Amino acid sequence: MISQQCIDTIKKFEGCRLTAYKAVPTEKYYTIAYGHYGADVYPNMTITQAQAEEMLRKDLVKYEQKVNKYDPIYHWNDGERSGLISFCYNVGNINGLTKNGTRTRQQIADAMLTYNKSGGKVLNGLTKRRQAERELFLGNTNKTVNKPTLRRGASGKAVGELQRLLGIKDDKIFGYATETAVKVFQKQRGLVVDGCVGQKTWTELLK
């Protein structure tokens, strides 16, 4: 079953157009509804909102099947399936993303963020979409972490926990080495690289 979160994510980033259009003049076919593209869409074609919803429903079945192709390997949970269906709806498949079923879940999540370019250029809209899909995949849409914000100069038990998660010496003192390790981790995870450990950094560390 396709979750409402998945549907809402697709609708948000695709948008709905009731008249056929070409996003890029060189495209072979026209697009309509929620990103529906193909030979069945013709110039000046118009549809109703109800028809747009029906097109989306039918298209989702196709992309769900492409995600389910890898279910025997990964046994996707609902969040993973939701993020992947939205990704697949936009990209067309998850073969490259999963490296034909050879990547780990974390590798898949991290690779999602690299699919944010068109014509070799990074697009803000695609970056935001990939981040949203990754959050769905990781099940972080409603997750909060109750941890203190840490920065250079802090000390104590929480700093020790942070250092263990980072795989560095546990001396419970947030010094230069710890700050550097935090920045490296933040860069790897696509977070703001500021060396400050807030809720988003804690969330990534505790996965």
Protein backbone atom coordinates (compact mmCIF):
# COMPACT_ATOMS: atom_id res chain seq x y z
CA MET A 1 0.00 0.00 0.00
CA ILE A 2 1.31 3.44 -0.94
CA SER A 3 1.35 5.82 2.03
CA GLN A 4 -0.29 9.23 2.05
CA GLN A 5 3.09 10.75 2.91
CA CYS A 6 4.47 9.33 -0.32
CA ILE A 7 1.56 10.71 -2.34
CA ASP A 8 1.80 14.11 -0.65
CA THR A 9 5.54 14.29 -1.35
CA ILE A 10 5.04 13.52 -5.03
CA LYS A 11 2.22 16.05 -5.33
CA LYS A 12 4.25 18.74 -3.60
CA PHE A 13 7.28 18.45 -5.83
CA GLU A 14 5.59 17.52 -9.12
CA GLY A 15 2.80 20.07 -8.95
CA CYS A 16 -0.37 19.60 -10.99
CA ARG A 17 -0.87 20.91 -14.51
CA LEU A 18 -4.19 20.29 -16.26
CA THR A 19 -2.90 21.36 -19.69
CA ALA A 20 -0.15 19.50 -21.55
CA TYR A 21 3.28 21.15 -21.57
CA LYS A 22 6.93 20.51 -22.27
CA ALA A 23 9.27 21.24 -19.37
CA VAL A 24 12.14 21.24 -21.88
CA PRO A 25 11.47 22.04 -25.57
CA THR A 26 13.62 19.12 -26.74
CA GLU A 27 11.59 16.48 -24.86
CA LYS A 28 9.98 13.87 -27.09
CA TYR A 29 6.61 13.80 -25.32
CA TYR A 30 4.41 16.19 -23.39
CA THR A 31 3.72 16.20 -19.65
CA ILE A 32 0.43 16.66 -17.80
CA ALA A 33 -1.18 16.11 -14.38
CA TYR A 34 1.36 15.23 -11.64
CA GLY A 35 4.35 14.79 -13.93
CA HIS A 36 2.68 12.20 -16.18
CA TYR A 37 4.84 11.96 -19.32
CA GLY A 38 4.40 9.82 -22.40
CA ALA A 39 3.03 9.19 -25.87
CA ASP A 40 -0.54 9.36 -24.53
CA VAL A 41 -0.14 13.08 -23.83
CA TYR A 42 -0.59 15.29 -26.88
CA PRO A 43 -0.27 19.03 -27.59
CA ASN A 44 -3.07 21.24 -26.15
CA MET A 45 -4.50 18.27 -24.22
CA THR A 46 -6.52 19.30 -21.16
CA ILE A 47 -7.87 17.18 -18.29
CA THR A 48 -9.88 17.61 -15.11
CA GLN A 49 -8.52 17.41 -11.57
CA ALA A 50 -10.26 14.05 -11.17
CA GLN A 51 -8.48 12.75 -14.28
CA ALA A 52 -5.16 14.03 -12.92
CA GLU A 53 -5.72 12.09 -9.69
CA GLU A 54 -6.55 8.95 -11.66
CA MET A 55 -3.39 9.31 -13.76
CA LEU A 56 -1.34 9.62 -10.60
CA ARG A 57 -2.97 6.54 -9.08
CA LYS A 58 -2.21 4.44 -12.17
CA ASP A 59 1.36 5.73 -12.47
CA LEU A 60 2.04 4.96 -8.81
CA VAL A 61 1.21 1.29 -9.37
CA LYS A 62 3.92 1.09 -12.03
CA TYR A 63 6.57 2.72 -9.85
CA GLU A 64 5.60 0.73 -6.80
CA GLN A 65 6.27 -2.42 -8.81
CA LYS A 66 9.75 -1.16 -9.68
CA VAL A 67 10.49 -0.62 -5.99
CA ASN A 68 8.99 -3.98 -5.03
CA LYS A 69 11.34 -5.65 -7.50
CA TYR A 70 14.02 -5.32 -4.80
CA ASP A 71 11.79 -6.29 -1.88
CA PRO A 72 13.08 -9.90 -1.81
CA ILE A 73 16.54 -8.45 -1.07
CA TYR A 74 15.70 -5.62 1.34
CA HIS A 75 12.19 -6.35 2.68
CA TRP A 76 11.33 -2.64 2.62
CA ASN A 77 9.44 -1.11 5.54
CA ASP A 78 6.71 1.48 4.92
CA GLY A 79 9.01 4.49 5.22
CA GLU A 80 11.63 3.05 2.91
CA ARG A 81 9.01 2.12 0.35
CA SER A 82 7.47 5.61 0.49
CA GLY A 83 10.76 7.41 -0.08
CA LEU A 84 11.77 5.07 -2.88
CA ILE A 85 8.45 5.28 -4.74
CA SER A 86 8.66 9.07 -4.78
CA PHE A 87 12.28 8.85 -5.94
CA CYS A 88 11.39 6.29 -8.61
CA TYR A 89 8.44 8.40 -9.80
CA ASN A 90 10.87 11.21 -10.54
CA VAL A 91 13.93 9.28 -11.75
CA GLY A 92 12.24 6.29 -13.41
CA ASN A 93 13.76 3.37 -11.48
CA ILE A 94 15.92 2.54 -8.46
CA ASN A 95 18.38 0.26 -10.25
CA GLY A 96 21.24 2.74 -10.11
CA LEU A 97 20.31 3.96 -6.65
CA THR A 98 20.50 0.48 -5.15
CA LYS A 99 23.32 -0.53 -7.51
CA ASN A 100 21.10 -3.42 -8.58
CA GLY A 101 20.49 -4.49 -5.01
CA THR A 102 24.10 -4.46 -3.81
CA ARG A 103 24.12 -1.28 -1.70
CA THR A 104 23.33 -1.17 2.00
CA ARG A 105 20.39 0.86 3.30
CA GLN A 106 22.69 3.64 4.51
CA GLN A 107 24.48 3.73 1.15
CA ILE A 108 21.13 4.03 -0.60
CA ALA A 109 20.07 6.86 1.70
CA ASP A 110 23.31 8.74 1.10
CA ALA A 111 23.25 8.12 -2.66
CA MET A 112 19.77 9.65 -2.89
CA LEU A 113 21.23 13.09 -2.25
CA THR A 114 23.44 12.86 -5.35
CA TYR A 115 20.44 12.73 -7.69
CA ASN A 116 19.91 16.49 -7.58
CA LYS A 117 21.24 17.58 -10.97
CA SER A 118 19.77 18.23 -14.38
CA GLY A 119 22.02 18.89 -17.33
CA GLY A 120 24.97 18.69 -14.95
CA LYS A 121 23.68 21.54 -12.79
CA VAL A 122 22.50 21.23 -9.18
CA LEU A 123 18.85 22.28 -8.89
CA ASN A 124 17.45 23.59 -5.61
CA GLY A 125 14.09 21.90 -6.20
CA LEU A 126 15.70 18.51 -6.76
CA THR A 127 17.94 18.97 -3.73
CA LYS A 128 14.91 19.62 -1.52
CA ARG A 129 13.05 16.68 -3.02
CA ARG A 130 15.93 14.27 -2.45
CA GLN A 131 16.22 15.45 1.16
CA ALA A 132 12.49 14.88 1.70
CA GLU A 133 12.63 11.42 0.13
CA ARG A 134 15.66 10.51 2.21
CA GLU A 135 13.83 11.54 5.37
CA LEU A 136 10.90 9.33 4.36
CA PHE A 137 13.27 6.46 3.60
CA LEU A 138 14.99 6.79 6.97
CA GLY A 139 11.72 7.24 8.85
CA ASN A 140 12.75 10.62 10.24
CA THR A 141 9.71 12.67 9.24
CA ASN A 142 8.28 12.75 12.74
CA LYS A 143 11.32 11.77 14.77
CA THR A 144 12.85 14.10 17.35
CA VAL A 145 15.95 13.47 19.42
CA ASN A 146 16.10 14.70 23.01
CA LYS A 147 19.81 15.51 23.27
CA PRO A 148 21.69 18.64 24.42
CA THR A 149 23.21 20.96 21.86
CA LEU A 150 26.99 20.62 22.03
CA ARG A 151 29.76 22.84 20.75
CA ARG A 152 33.45 23.43 21.34
CA GLY A 153 34.14 24.02 25.04
CA ALA A 154 31.46 21.62 26.28
CA SER A 155 32.32 18.66 28.48
CA GLY A 156 30.71 15.76 30.29
CA LYS A 157 28.82 12.55 29.63
CA ALA A 158 27.00 13.76 26.51
CA VAL A 159 30.31 14.74 24.91
CA GLY A 160 31.64 11.27 25.67
CA GLU A 161 28.63 9.73 23.93
CA LEU A 162 29.19 12.00 20.95
CA GLN A 163 32.83 10.99 20.72
CA ARG A 164 31.98 7.29 20.84
CA LEU A 165 29.45 7.74 18.04
CA LEU A 166 32.10 9.54 16.00
CA GLY A 167 34.61 6.78 16.70
CA ILE A 168 37.18 9.07 18.31
CA LYS A 169 38.90 9.17 21.72
CA ASP A 170 36.35 9.40 24.55
CA ASP A 171 37.83 12.07 26.86
CA LYS A 172 34.49 13.88 27.41
CA ILE A 173 35.99 17.21 26.34
CA PHE A 174 34.68 18.94 23.20
CA GLY A 175 37.95 20.32 21.82
CA TYR A 176 39.44 20.94 18.40
CA ALA A 177 39.68 17.24 17.46
CA THR A 178 36.04 16.62 18.32
CA GLU A 179 34.91 19.72 16.42
CA THR A 180 36.88 18.60 13.36
CA ALA A 181 35.34 15.12 13.53
CA VAL A 182 31.86 16.66 13.80
CA LYS A 183 32.46 18.83 10.73
CA VAL A 184 33.66 15.84 8.70
CA PHE A 185 30.55 13.89 9.73
CA GLN A 186 28.24 16.80 8.92
CA LYS A 187 29.76 17.15 5.46
CA GLN A 188 29.34 13.42 4.80
CA ARG A 189 25.67 13.59 5.78
CA GLY A 190 24.81 16.74 3.83
CA LEU A 191 24.22 18.81 6.98
CA VAL A 192 25.22 22.39 7.75
CA VAL A 193 28.95 22.18 8.51
CA ASP A 194 29.28 24.32 11.62
CA GLY A 195 30.83 21.94 14.17
CA CYS A 196 27.82 22.41 16.43
CA VAL A 197 25.90 19.26 17.39
CA GLY A 198 22.21 20.12 17.33
CA GLN A 199 19.17 17.90 16.84
CA LYS A 200 19.76 17.21 13.13
CA THR A 201 23.34 16.10 13.73
CA TRP A 202 22.29 13.97 16.70
CA THR A 203 19.58 12.35 14.56
CA GLU A 204 22.13 11.37 11.92
CA LEU A 205 24.59 10.11 14.52
CA LEU A 206 22.00 7.87 16.20
CA LYS A 207 20.84 6.11 13.04
